[in-house]
Amino acid sequence: MVNKISTPVSVLMAYDSKTGRVYPRCLTWKNRVYPVSKVGFHHSYYEGRTLYHVFSVASKTLFFRLILNTENLHWILDETFDNSL
């Protein structure tokens, strides 16, 4: 079931100098830490002059859609998906 959240979250990111890639490693939502086990789709888009990066990531139990605003470097948890049903 897809849940629209649109709430600020804390995200730890990593940078791999060999590949030049940046990716989320874990996020904290509702005082719970979710380690990212897989990074799926990544894309970016502009809204006006602001660049946004969108990451679809998975933990052991949930899928998340995270959005990084590059103007203020704030993260938004846009959606969750629970595949347990």
N, C-alpha and C. Protein backbone atom coordinates (compact mmCIF):
# COMPACT_ATOMS: atom_id res chain seq x y z
N MET A 1 0.83 -1.17 0.00
CA MET A 1 0.00 0.00 0.00
C MET A 1 0.88 1.24 0.00
N VAL A 2 0.62 2.17 -0.89
CA VAL A 2 1.37 3.41 -0.99
C VAL A 2 0.77 4.44 -0.04
N ASN A 3 1.63 5.07 0.76
CA ASN A 3 1.20 6.11 1.69
C ASN A 3 1.91 7.41 1.36
N LYS A 4 1.16 8.45 1.07
CA LYS A 4 1.72 9.77 0.82
C LYS A 4 2.06 10.40 2.16
N ILE A 5 3.34 10.76 2.38
CA ILE A 5 3.78 11.25 3.68
C ILE A 5 4.12 12.74 3.64
N SER A 6 5.07 13.15 2.79
CA SER A 6 5.53 14.54 2.63
C SER A 6 5.91 15.18 3.96
N THR A 7 6.90 14.57 4.63
CA THR A 7 7.37 15.08 5.91
C THR A 7 8.89 15.12 5.93
N PRO A 8 9.48 16.10 6.64
CA PRO A 8 10.94 16.16 6.73
C PRO A 8 11.49 14.94 7.47
N VAL A 9 12.64 14.44 7.00
CA VAL A 9 13.33 13.32 7.65
C VAL A 9 14.83 13.59 7.65
N SER A 10 15.53 12.86 8.50
CA SER A 10 16.99 12.92 8.54
C SER A 10 17.53 11.79 7.68
N VAL A 11 18.55 12.11 6.87
CA VAL A 11 19.13 11.12 5.96
C VAL A 11 20.65 11.21 6.05
N LEU A 12 21.29 10.06 6.15
CA LEU A 12 22.75 9.98 6.04
C LEU A 12 23.08 9.53 4.63
N MET A 13 24.01 10.26 4.00
CA MET A 13 24.40 9.93 2.63
C MET A 13 25.85 9.51 2.58
N ALA A 14 26.19 8.81 1.51
CA ALA A 14 27.57 8.40 1.27
C ALA A 14 27.97 8.85 -0.12
N TYR A 15 29.27 9.09 -0.28
CA TYR A 15 29.82 9.43 -1.58
C TYR A 15 30.91 8.42 -1.90
N ASP A 16 30.82 7.79 -3.06
CA ASP A 16 31.80 6.82 -3.52
C ASP A 16 32.71 7.51 -4.53
N SER A 17 33.95 7.77 -4.13
CA SER A 17 34.87 8.51 -5.01
C SER A 17 35.27 7.71 -6.24
N LYS A 18 35.19 6.39 -6.17
CA LYS A 18 35.55 5.57 -7.33
C LYS A 18 34.50 5.67 -8.44
N THR A 19 33.23 5.71 -8.05
CA THR A 19 32.16 5.77 -9.05
C THR A 19 31.60 7.18 -9.23
N GLY A 20 31.89 8.07 -8.28
CA GLY A 20 31.35 9.42 -8.33
C GLY A 20 29.88 9.49 -7.98
N ARG A 21 29.37 8.47 -7.30
CA ARG A 21 27.94 8.41 -6.98
C ARG A 21 27.69 8.80 -5.52
N VAL A 22 26.56 9.42 -5.31
CA VAL A 22 26.07 9.79 -3.99
C VAL A 22 24.78 9.03 -3.77
N TYR A 23 24.60 8.47 -2.56
CA TYR A 23 23.39 7.70 -2.31
C TYR A 23 23.05 7.68 -0.82
N PRO A 24 21.78 7.58 -0.48
CA PRO A 24 21.36 7.50 0.92
C PRO A 24 21.79 6.18 1.55
N ARG A 25 22.25 6.24 2.80
CA ARG A 25 22.66 5.03 3.52
C ARG A 25 21.63 4.65 4.59
N CYS A 26 21.00 5.63 5.22
CA CYS A 26 19.93 5.34 6.19
C CYS A 26 19.10 6.61 6.39
N LEU A 27 17.89 6.42 6.89
CA LEU A 27 17.04 7.56 7.20
C LEU A 27 16.41 7.35 8.56
N THR A 28 16.09 8.47 9.20
CA THR A 28 15.42 8.45 10.50
C THR A 28 14.06 9.08 10.33
N TRP A 29 13.03 8.30 10.67
CA TRP A 29 11.65 8.75 10.54
C TRP A 29 10.88 8.26 11.76
N LYS A 30 10.19 9.17 12.43
CA LYS A 30 9.43 8.86 13.65
C LYS A 30 10.32 8.19 14.69
N ASN A 31 11.51 8.75 14.88
CA ASN A 31 12.49 8.26 15.88
C ASN A 31 12.94 6.83 15.64
N ARG A 32 12.83 6.35 14.42
CA ARG A 32 13.29 5.01 14.08
C ARG A 32 14.27 5.11 12.90
N VAL A 33 15.37 4.37 13.00
CA VAL A 33 16.38 4.38 11.96
C VAL A 33 16.12 3.23 10.99
N TYR A 34 16.10 3.55 9.70
CA TYR A 34 15.90 2.56 8.65
C TYR A 34 17.15 2.49 7.78
N PRO A 35 18.00 1.48 7.95
CA PRO A 35 19.15 1.34 7.05
C PRO A 35 18.67 1.05 5.63
N VAL A 36 19.30 1.68 4.67
CA VAL A 36 18.94 1.47 3.27
C VAL A 36 19.67 0.23 2.77
N SER A 37 18.91 -0.77 2.37
CA SER A 37 19.51 -2.00 1.87
C SER A 37 19.67 -1.98 0.35
N LYS A 38 18.88 -1.13 -0.32
CA LYS A 38 18.98 -1.05 -1.78
C LYS A 38 18.54 0.32 -2.27
N VAL A 39 19.31 0.87 -3.20
CA VAL A 39 18.91 2.10 -3.87
C VAL A 39 18.43 1.70 -5.26
N GLY A 40 17.19 2.03 -5.53
CA GLY A 40 16.62 1.69 -6.82
C GLY A 40 16.76 2.85 -7.79
N PHE A 41 15.66 3.43 -8.14
CA PHE A 41 15.58 4.49 -9.13
C PHE A 41 16.07 5.81 -8.55
N HIS A 42 16.80 6.59 -9.33
CA HIS A 42 17.20 7.95 -8.97
C HIS A 42 16.99 8.84 -10.19
N HIS A 43 16.37 9.98 -9.97
CA HIS A 43 16.27 10.98 -11.03
C HIS A 43 16.25 12.36 -10.40
N SER A 44 16.41 13.36 -11.22
CA SER A 44 16.39 14.74 -10.74
C SER A 44 15.49 15.58 -11.65
N TYR A 45 15.03 16.69 -11.09
CA TYR A 45 14.19 17.61 -11.86
C TYR A 45 14.33 19.02 -11.28
N TYR A 46 13.99 20.00 -12.09
CA TYR A 46 13.98 21.39 -11.65
C TYR A 46 12.56 21.85 -11.42
N GLU A 47 12.39 22.61 -10.37
CA GLU A 47 11.15 23.35 -10.14
C GLU A 47 11.58 24.79 -9.98
N GLY A 48 11.36 25.58 -11.03
CA GLY A 48 11.94 26.93 -11.05
C GLY A 48 13.45 26.79 -11.17
N ARG A 49 14.18 27.43 -10.26
CA ARG A 49 15.64 27.35 -10.26
C ARG A 49 16.17 26.29 -9.30
N THR A 50 15.29 25.61 -8.58
CA THR A 50 15.72 24.64 -7.57
C THR A 50 15.79 23.25 -8.17
N LEU A 51 16.92 22.59 -7.95
CA LEU A 51 17.13 21.22 -8.40
C LEU A 51 16.75 20.26 -7.27
N TYR A 52 15.96 19.25 -7.60
CA TYR A 52 15.56 18.21 -6.65
C TYR A 52 16.09 16.87 -7.12
N HIS A 53 16.56 16.06 -6.17
CA HIS A 53 16.97 14.69 -6.46
C HIS A 53 15.97 13.76 -5.78
N VAL A 54 15.50 12.77 -6.52
CA VAL A 54 14.51 11.82 -6.01
C VAL A 54 15.16 10.44 -5.99
N PHE A 55 15.12 9.80 -4.82
CA PHE A 55 15.68 8.46 -4.65
C PHE A 55 14.57 7.51 -4.21
N SER A 56 14.47 6.37 -4.86
CA SER A 56 13.60 5.28 -4.41
C SER A 56 14.53 4.27 -3.74
N VAL A 57 14.30 4.05 -2.44
CA VAL A 57 15.18 3.17 -1.67
C VAL A 57 14.35 2.15 -0.90
N ALA A 58 15.03 1.10 -0.46
CA ALA A 58 14.35 0.05 0.29
C ALA A 58 15.12 -0.26 1.56
N SER A 59 14.37 -0.52 2.63
CA SER A 59 14.94 -1.09 3.85
C SER A 59 14.48 -2.55 3.88
N LYS A 60 14.68 -3.22 4.98
CA LYS A 60 14.24 -4.63 5.06
C LYS A 60 12.73 -4.75 4.99
N THR A 61 12.01 -3.74 5.49
CA THR A 61 10.55 -3.87 5.61
C THR A 61 9.74 -2.89 4.76
N LEU A 62 10.35 -1.77 4.35
CA LEU A 62 9.60 -0.73 3.64
C LEU A 62 10.37 -0.21 2.44
N PHE A 63 9.62 0.37 1.51
CA PHE A 63 10.18 1.12 0.40
C PHE A 63 9.89 2.59 0.66
N PHE A 64 10.84 3.47 0.29
CA PHE A 64 10.69 4.90 0.53
C PHE A 64 10.99 5.68 -0.74
N ARG A 65 10.32 6.82 -0.88
CA ARG A 65 10.66 7.79 -1.92
C ARG A 65 11.13 9.05 -1.21
N LEU A 66 12.43 9.36 -1.38
CA LEU A 66 13.05 10.49 -0.71
C LEU A 66 13.35 11.59 -1.71
N ILE A 67 13.17 12.84 -1.30
CA ILE A 67 13.45 13.97 -2.17
C ILE A 67 14.42 14.91 -1.46
N LEU A 68 15.53 15.23 -2.15
CA LEU A 68 16.52 16.17 -1.64
C LEU A 68 16.39 17.49 -2.38
N ASN A 69 16.13 18.56 -1.63
CA ASN A 69 16.09 19.92 -2.17
C ASN A 69 17.52 20.45 -2.13
N THR A 70 18.14 20.69 -3.29
CA THR A 70 19.54 21.10 -3.31
C THR A 70 19.75 22.57 -2.96
N GLU A 71 18.69 23.35 -2.90
CA GLU A 71 18.83 24.76 -2.51
C GLU A 71 19.06 24.88 -1.01
N ASN A 72 18.29 24.13 -0.21
CA ASN A 72 18.43 24.22 1.24
C ASN A 72 18.97 22.93 1.87
N LEU A 73 19.21 21.89 1.05
CA LEU A 73 19.72 20.58 1.49
C LEU A 73 18.82 19.89 2.51
N HIS A 74 17.53 20.12 2.39
CA HIS A 74 16.54 19.46 3.24
C HIS A 74 15.99 18.23 2.52
N TRP A 75 15.72 17.20 3.33
CA TRP A 75 15.15 15.95 2.81
C TRP A 75 13.68 15.85 3.16
N ILE A 76 12.90 15.32 2.23
CA ILE A 76 11.47 15.06 2.44
C ILE A 76 11.22 13.58 2.17
N LEU A 77 10.53 12.93 3.10
CA LEU A 77 10.02 11.58 2.85
C LEU A 77 8.69 11.79 2.15
N ASP A 78 8.67 11.50 0.85
CA ASP A 78 7.49 11.78 0.04
C ASP A 78 6.45 10.66 0.15
N GLU A 79 6.92 9.39 0.03
CA GLU A 79 6.00 8.25 0.07
C GLU A 79 6.66 7.05 0.73
N THR A 80 5.82 6.19 1.27
CA THR A 80 6.26 4.87 1.72
C THR A 80 5.40 3.83 1.04
N PHE A 81 5.96 2.64 0.94
CA PHE A 81 5.22 1.52 0.37
C PHE A 81 5.51 0.31 1.22
N ASP A 82 4.46 -0.31 1.74
CA ASP A 82 4.58 -1.51 2.56
C ASP A 82 4.12 -2.68 1.74
N ASN A 83 5.02 -3.60 1.49
CA ASN A 83 4.73 -4.75 0.64
C ASN A 83 4.27 -5.97 1.44
N SER A 84 4.01 -5.80 2.73
CA SER A 84 3.67 -6.95 3.57
C SER A 84 2.22 -7.40 3.42
N LEU A 85 1.39 -6.61 2.78
CA LEU A 85 -0.04 -6.99 2.64
C LEU A 85 -0.25 -7.91 1.48
